[in-house]
Amino acid sequence: MAHKSALRISFPSQLAVLVLASAVAIPAVAQQTQPSASSQPTATVQNDTASAPQQPAASTANTPAREGFWGRVNPFASKKWVAKQTTPINDRLSELDEVNAKNSSDIKDVDSRAQAGIQKAQTTADGANQVATAASTQAQNANGIAQGASGHVDQLNTTVKGLDQYSEVTEQEVKFPHGQPILSSAARQQLDDMATALNGKQGYILEVEAHSPGAGSVGIQNSERLAEAVKRYLVTEHEIPVYRMHAVALGNAHGQADVDSKPIRISSVNVRLMENSLAAQAAPQPQGVASSTGAERP
C-alpha cells in the first residue's frame, strides 16, 4: 500500500518535470536546427509564441507597435490599430480631394473667363466689322457724290464756255428798192415769219446789218435809218426784246458775213438769227424761213 502510494505521488512529479524539460528543450532544438538567416522570422515567431505565456503582463505593455501585416505583425490586429494606421492615409486622400476640387474650380473659373473674353472679343470684332462696312458704304457714296460733282463741274465749265457761243440758224434779206426807210408788204411778211418762229425761244440774238449804195457818211446814215426801221417793227409788232437785237450801219461796205465782194447796188437789211449753243441743246431749233432771195445761210 505504501509503495503504491509512493508511485502515485511520484508520477505527477515526473510528468511535471517532463513538461518543463520539453518547454526548455524545444527552443534550443529550434535554434540548433535553423538552417539560415532567411528562416529566422519563422523561428522567432515560434519562440515568441512558446515564450508568450511565460512573459509577465508588464512586459506586454512595453512591446513596440508592429509595422505591417506581411512583416512582424500580429494577424489578429484590432480595429483601433488599423484605424491608427489608416488615418494619415485618409487625411492625405482628403487633402488631395480638396486640392483636386480647388483645381477643378479654378479651371472652371479660368474657362468661364476665357469664354467671356472670347465672346467680348467676338462682339468687338463684329462691331468693328459693322463700322468698317458702314465706312465702306459711306466711302462709296462719297465717291459717287464726288463723281457727280466732277460731272457737274464739267457741265458748268461747258456752260460757261458756251455762254458766248452763237451759231447762225437762218437769215432774211429785207430789201428797200427806193432807199427809203419804209417797209414793203413783202418785207413785213418776212419779218413776221421770222418773229413767229421765235415765240417761246430763249438764248438767241438778231444781227441787223444795214447796207446802202451811197458812199461815205451819206451811205452810213441812210443804212442806219434802214436798220432802225427793221428794229422798230420787230419791237412794236412782235415785242422782240431790244437787248436781243444788235444793229450796225455799214453804208456801202461789206460785212464779215458776206461771202462775195460785189458792189452794193441796192439798200437792204440782212437779219440773221443767231442761237446760243446751250439753248440749241435745251430746245429744238426754230424753223428757218426762206429769204426773199431764195438763199439761206447754213
Protein backbone atom coordinates (compact mmCIF):
# COMPACT_ATOMS: atom_id res chain seq x y z
CA MET A 1 0.00 0.00 0.00
CA ALA A 2 2.74 2.37 0.96
CA HIS A 3 4.67 1.52 -2.16
CA LYS A 4 1.63 2.15 -4.41
CA SER A 5 1.08 5.47 -2.72
CA ALA A 6 4.64 6.47 -3.39
CA LEU A 7 4.24 5.56 -7.01
CA ARG A 8 1.09 7.66 -7.27
CA ILE A 9 2.81 10.67 -5.78
CA SER A 10 5.89 10.38 -7.88
CA PHE A 11 4.09 10.06 -11.23
CA PRO A 12 2.65 13.59 -11.27
CA SER A 13 6.00 14.93 -10.24
CA GLN A 14 7.65 13.11 -13.06
CA LEU A 15 5.07 14.38 -15.52
CA ALA A 16 5.65 17.95 -14.42
CA VAL A 17 9.39 17.53 -14.76
CA LEU A 18 8.92 16.07 -18.24
CA VAL A 19 6.71 19.01 -19.39
CA LEU A 20 9.21 21.51 -18.00
CA ALA A 21 12.07 19.79 -19.73
CA SER A 22 10.16 19.79 -23.02
CA ALA A 23 9.50 23.51 -22.71
CA VAL A 24 13.19 24.17 -22.24
CA ALA A 25 14.36 21.77 -24.92
CA ILE A 26 12.10 22.87 -27.82
CA PRO A 27 13.56 26.40 -28.22
CA ALA A 28 17.07 25.04 -28.02
CA VAL A 29 16.40 22.42 -30.67
CA ALA A 30 14.73 25.03 -32.89
CA GLN A 31 17.75 27.31 -32.70
CA GLN A 32 20.14 24.47 -33.47
CA THR A 33 18.14 23.27 -36.49
CA GLN A 34 17.75 26.79 -38.06
CA PRO A 35 19.39 26.45 -41.48
CA SER A 36 19.95 30.07 -42.48
CA ALA A 37 19.08 33.66 -41.74
CA SER A 38 16.11 33.50 -44.14
CA SER A 39 14.17 31.24 -41.76
CA GLN A 40 14.86 33.40 -38.70
CA PRO A 41 11.46 35.19 -38.72
CA THR A 42 9.65 31.81 -38.51
CA ALA A 43 11.76 30.64 -35.57
CA THR A 44 11.37 33.98 -33.90
CA VAL A 45 7.61 33.75 -34.24
CA GLN A 46 7.71 30.24 -32.78
CA ASN A 47 9.92 31.35 -29.88
CA ASP A 48 7.70 34.30 -29.20
CA THR A 49 4.65 32.05 -29.31
CA ALA A 50 6.21 29.48 -26.98
CA SER A 51 7.51 32.04 -24.56
CA ALA A 52 4.41 34.28 -24.62
CA PRO A 53 2.62 32.51 -21.77
CA GLN A 54 5.74 32.74 -19.59
CA GLN A 55 6.28 36.59 -20.00
CA PRO A 56 4.76 38.77 -17.36
CA ALA A 57 1.93 41.20 -18.12
CA ALA A 58 4.13 44.27 -17.53
CA SER A 59 6.45 43.40 -20.45
CA THR A 60 3.49 43.25 -22.89
CA ALA A 61 2.70 46.93 -22.33
CA ASN A 62 6.27 47.92 -23.32
CA THR A 63 6.19 45.93 -26.60
CA PRO A 64 6.61 48.32 -29.64
CA ALA A 65 3.88 48.60 -32.26
CA ARG A 66 4.05 46.11 -35.11
CA GLU A 67 4.63 47.52 -38.55
CA GLY A 68 2.86 45.69 -41.36
CA PHE A 69 0.82 42.64 -41.89
CA TRP A 70 3.44 40.89 -44.02
CA GLY A 71 6.20 41.87 -41.59
CA ARG A 72 6.24 41.24 -37.90
CA VAL A 73 2.60 41.97 -37.16
CA ASN A 74 0.03 40.24 -35.12
CA PRO A 75 -2.51 38.76 -37.58
CA PHE A 76 -5.21 39.40 -35.04
CA ALA A 77 -4.79 43.29 -35.15
CA SER A 78 -7.52 45.33 -33.53
CA LYS A 79 -9.76 47.93 -35.27
CA LYS A 80 -8.13 50.72 -33.32
CA TRP A 81 -4.72 49.74 -34.61
CA VAL A 82 -5.99 49.55 -38.18
CA ALA A 83 -7.68 52.93 -37.80
CA LYS A 84 -4.49 54.38 -36.36
CA GLN A 85 -2.52 53.13 -39.35
CA THR A 86 -5.02 54.27 -41.98
CA THR A 87 -5.93 57.68 -40.52
CA PRO A 88 -2.87 59.51 -42.04
CA ILE A 89 -3.66 57.92 -45.39
CA ASN A 90 -7.29 59.03 -45.20
CA ASP A 91 -6.19 62.54 -44.22
CA ARG A 92 -3.83 62.66 -47.16
CA LEU A 93 -6.57 61.44 -49.51
CA SER A 94 -8.94 64.09 -48.15
CA GLU A 95 -6.29 66.75 -48.73
CA LEU A 96 -5.79 65.51 -52.29
CA ASP A 97 -9.54 65.61 -52.87
CA GLU A 98 -9.64 69.20 -51.66
CA VAL A 99 -6.74 70.14 -53.93
CA ASN A 100 -8.43 68.43 -56.90
CA ALA A 101 -11.70 70.19 -56.11
CA LYS A 102 -9.90 73.55 -55.92
CA ASN A 103 -8.06 72.87 -59.18
CA SER A 104 -11.32 71.92 -60.86
CA SER A 105 -12.96 75.11 -59.59
CA ASP A 106 -10.01 77.20 -60.80
CA ILE A 107 -10.14 75.53 -64.20
CA LYS A 108 -13.85 76.23 -64.48
CA ASP A 109 -13.26 79.86 -63.45
CA VAL A 110 -10.47 80.30 -66.00
CA ASP A 111 -12.60 78.63 -68.67
CA SER A 112 -15.58 80.87 -67.92
CA ARG A 113 -13.39 83.98 -68.03
CA ALA A 114 -11.79 82.79 -71.26
CA GLN A 115 -15.21 82.21 -72.81
CA ALA A 116 -16.34 85.65 -71.66
CA GLY A 117 -13.20 87.20 -73.15
CA ILE A 118 -13.70 85.35 -76.42
CA GLN A 119 -17.34 86.45 -76.55
CA LYS A 120 -16.36 90.04 -75.83
CA ALA A 121 -13.65 89.94 -78.49
CA GLN A 122 -16.11 88.46 -80.98
CA THR A 123 -18.64 91.18 -80.17
CA THR A 124 -15.97 93.83 -80.60
CA ALA A 125 -14.89 92.30 -83.90
CA ASP A 126 -18.49 92.21 -85.12
CA GLY A 127 -18.94 95.85 -84.15
CA ALA A 128 -15.70 96.79 -85.91
CA ASN A 129 -16.85 94.86 -88.98
CA GLN A 130 -20.15 96.73 -89.00
CA VAL A 131 -18.33 100.06 -88.62
CA ALA A 132 -15.99 99.10 -91.47
CA THR A 133 -18.95 98.11 -93.65
CA ALA A 134 -20.72 101.39 -92.89
CA ALA A 135 -17.50 103.31 -93.60
CA SER A 136 -17.11 101.46 -96.91
CA THR A 137 -20.70 102.31 -97.84
CA GLN A 138 -20.13 105.95 -96.93
CA ALA A 139 -16.92 105.96 -98.94
CA GLN A 140 -18.75 104.56 -101.95
CA ASN A 141 -21.49 107.18 -101.52
CA ALA A 142 -18.88 109.90 -101.18
CA ASN A 143 -17.14 108.60 -104.30
CA GLY A 144 -20.44 108.69 -106.19
CA ILE A 145 -21.10 112.23 -104.94
CA ALA A 146 -17.58 113.27 -105.94
CA GLN A 147 -18.04 111.81 -109.40
CA GLY A 148 -21.40 113.56 -109.69
CA ALA A 149 -19.80 116.82 -108.55
CA SER A 150 -17.00 116.34 -111.05
CA GLY A 151 -19.55 115.79 -113.82
CA HIS A 152 -21.48 118.83 -112.66
CA VAL A 153 -18.28 120.90 -112.70
CA ASP A 154 -17.55 119.70 -116.21
CA GLN A 155 -21.07 120.63 -117.20
CA LEU A 156 -20.65 124.07 -115.64
CA ASN A 157 -17.37 124.54 -117.49
CA THR A 158 -19.10 123.59 -120.70
CA THR A 159 -21.92 126.01 -119.88
CA VAL A 160 -19.54 128.85 -119.13
CA LYS A 161 -17.59 128.21 -122.30
CA GLY A 162 -20.80 128.11 -124.32
CA LEU A 163 -22.31 131.30 -122.92
CA ASP A 164 -20.98 133.42 -125.77
CA GLN A 165 -21.01 130.78 -128.46
CA TYR A 166 -23.66 131.54 -131.10
CA SER A 167 -24.27 129.91 -134.41
CA GLU A 168 -26.32 131.17 -137.33
CA VAL A 169 -29.69 129.47 -137.78
CA THR A 170 -31.31 131.45 -140.60
CA GLU A 171 -31.06 134.82 -142.39
CA GLN A 172 -33.56 137.15 -144.05
CA GLU A 173 -32.61 139.87 -146.52
CA VAL A 174 -35.11 142.73 -146.31
CA LYS A 175 -34.81 144.98 -149.38
CA PHE A 176 -35.59 148.67 -149.70
CA PRO A 177 -35.76 149.32 -153.51
CA HIS A 178 -36.07 153.11 -153.28
CA GLY A 179 -33.64 153.52 -150.40
CA GLN A 180 -36.39 154.92 -148.15
CA PRO A 181 -36.85 153.52 -144.56
CA ILE A 182 -40.31 152.22 -145.38
CA LEU A 183 -41.09 148.51 -145.15
CA SER A 184 -42.96 146.97 -148.04
CA SER A 185 -45.61 144.29 -147.59
CA ALA A 186 -43.12 141.62 -148.69
CA ALA A 187 -40.55 142.92 -146.15
CA ARG A 188 -43.12 142.92 -143.33
CA GLN A 189 -44.11 139.34 -144.23
CA GLN A 190 -40.50 138.25 -143.99
CA LEU A 191 -40.12 139.82 -140.53
CA ASP A 192 -43.46 138.37 -139.42
CA ASP A 193 -42.40 134.84 -140.36
CA MET A 194 -39.10 135.20 -138.52
CA ALA A 195 -40.70 136.64 -135.39
CA THR A 196 -43.36 133.91 -135.32
CA ALA A 197 -40.64 131.23 -135.32
CA LEU A 198 -39.08 132.92 -132.26
CA ASN A 199 -42.12 132.58 -129.98
CA GLY A 200 -41.07 130.89 -126.72
CA LYS A 201 -37.44 130.63 -127.71
CA GLN A 202 -34.55 131.59 -125.46
CA GLY A 203 -30.86 132.12 -125.98
CA TYR A 204 -30.94 133.87 -129.34
CA ILE A 205 -29.97 137.25 -130.79
CA LEU A 206 -30.76 139.04 -134.06
CA GLU A 207 -27.94 140.59 -136.06
CA VAL A 208 -29.26 143.53 -138.06
CA GLU A 209 -26.77 144.54 -140.74
CA ALA A 210 -27.86 147.51 -142.95
CA HIS A 211 -26.32 148.41 -146.35
CA SER A 212 -26.74 151.41 -148.64
CA PRO A 213 -25.09 152.15 -152.04
CA GLY A 214 -24.21 155.70 -151.01
CA ALA A 215 -20.59 156.45 -150.35
CA GLY A 216 -19.16 157.93 -147.20
CA SER A 217 -21.29 159.31 -144.43
CA VAL A 218 -24.32 159.60 -146.65
CA GLY A 219 -24.49 155.84 -147.14
CA ILE A 220 -23.83 155.18 -143.45
CA GLN A 221 -26.63 157.48 -142.31
CA ASN A 222 -29.05 156.03 -144.84
CA SER A 223 -28.24 152.43 -143.80
CA GLU A 224 -28.66 153.42 -140.16
CA ARG A 225 -32.21 154.63 -140.84
CA LEU A 226 -33.00 151.31 -142.56
CA ALA A 227 -31.74 149.29 -139.56
CA GLU A 228 -33.80 151.40 -137.16
CA ALA A 229 -36.91 150.79 -139.27
CA VAL A 230 -36.45 147.00 -139.00
CA LYS A 231 -35.82 147.09 -135.27
CA ARG A 232 -38.80 149.38 -134.68
CA TYR A 233 -41.11 147.00 -136.50
CA LEU A 234 -39.93 143.90 -134.58
CA VAL A 235 -40.27 145.67 -131.23
CA THR A 236 -43.66 147.25 -131.82
CA GLU A 237 -45.32 144.47 -133.77
CA HIS A 238 -43.79 141.34 -132.26
CA GLU A 239 -42.43 142.50 -128.89
CA ILE A 240 -38.92 141.27 -129.60
CA PRO A 241 -36.70 142.46 -126.73
CA VAL A 242 -34.38 145.27 -127.70
CA TYR A 243 -31.42 143.60 -125.95
CA ARG A 244 -31.73 140.65 -128.36
CA MET A 245 -31.11 142.88 -131.43
CA HIS A 246 -27.72 144.21 -132.42
CA ALA A 247 -27.64 146.58 -135.38
CA VAL A 248 -24.79 148.07 -137.43
CA ALA A 249 -24.95 150.58 -140.30
CA LEU A 250 -22.25 149.71 -142.88
CA GLY A 251 -23.17 152.02 -145.77
CA ASN A 252 -21.67 150.57 -148.91
CA ALA A 253 -19.12 148.40 -147.04
CA HIS A 254 -19.35 144.63 -146.92
CA GLY A 255 -19.82 142.85 -143.61
CA GLN A 256 -17.91 139.83 -142.28
CA ALA A 257 -20.81 137.53 -143.20
CA ASP A 258 -20.71 138.48 -146.85
CA VAL A 259 -19.14 135.77 -148.90
CA ASP A 260 -18.69 137.89 -152.02
CA SER A 261 -17.33 141.34 -152.64
CA LYS A 262 -19.81 142.60 -155.24
CA PRO A 263 -20.57 146.31 -155.10
CA ILE A 264 -23.58 147.38 -153.04
CA ARG A 265 -26.24 148.43 -155.61
CA ILE A 266 -29.46 148.36 -153.53
CA SER A 267 -30.37 149.32 -149.99
CA SER A 268 -31.08 146.27 -147.82
CA VAL A 269 -31.00 144.93 -144.29
CA ASN A 270 -29.76 141.42 -143.51
CA VAL A 271 -31.42 139.97 -140.36
CA ARG A 272 -29.59 136.88 -139.04
CA LEU A 273 -30.97 134.62 -136.29
CA MET A 274 -28.07 133.58 -134.05
CA GLU A 275 -28.72 130.93 -131.40
CA ASN A 276 -26.64 130.06 -128.38
CA SER A 277 -25.21 126.52 -128.37
CA LEU A 278 -26.65 125.80 -124.89
CA ALA A 279 -30.10 126.90 -125.95
CA ALA A 280 -29.79 124.68 -129.01
CA GLN A 281 -29.16 121.67 -126.71
CA ALA A 282 -32.10 122.51 -124.44
CA ALA A 283 -34.72 123.20 -127.11
CA PRO A 284 -35.31 122.39 -130.79
CA GLN A 285 -34.07 124.92 -133.25
CA PRO A 286 -36.66 127.27 -134.75
CA GLN A 287 -37.71 126.55 -138.26
CA GLY A 288 -35.83 128.61 -140.78
CA VAL A 289 -37.75 130.85 -143.20
CA ALA A 290 -36.55 131.15 -146.75
CA SER A 291 -35.18 134.55 -147.62
CA SER A 292 -36.60 136.69 -150.34
CA THR A 293 -33.56 135.93 -152.43
CA GLY A 294 -34.26 132.23 -152.19
CA ALA A 295 -30.95 131.54 -150.37
CA GLU A 296 -30.40 130.60 -146.74
CA ARG A 297 -27.12 130.60 -144.92
CA PRO A 298 -26.14 127.39 -143.08
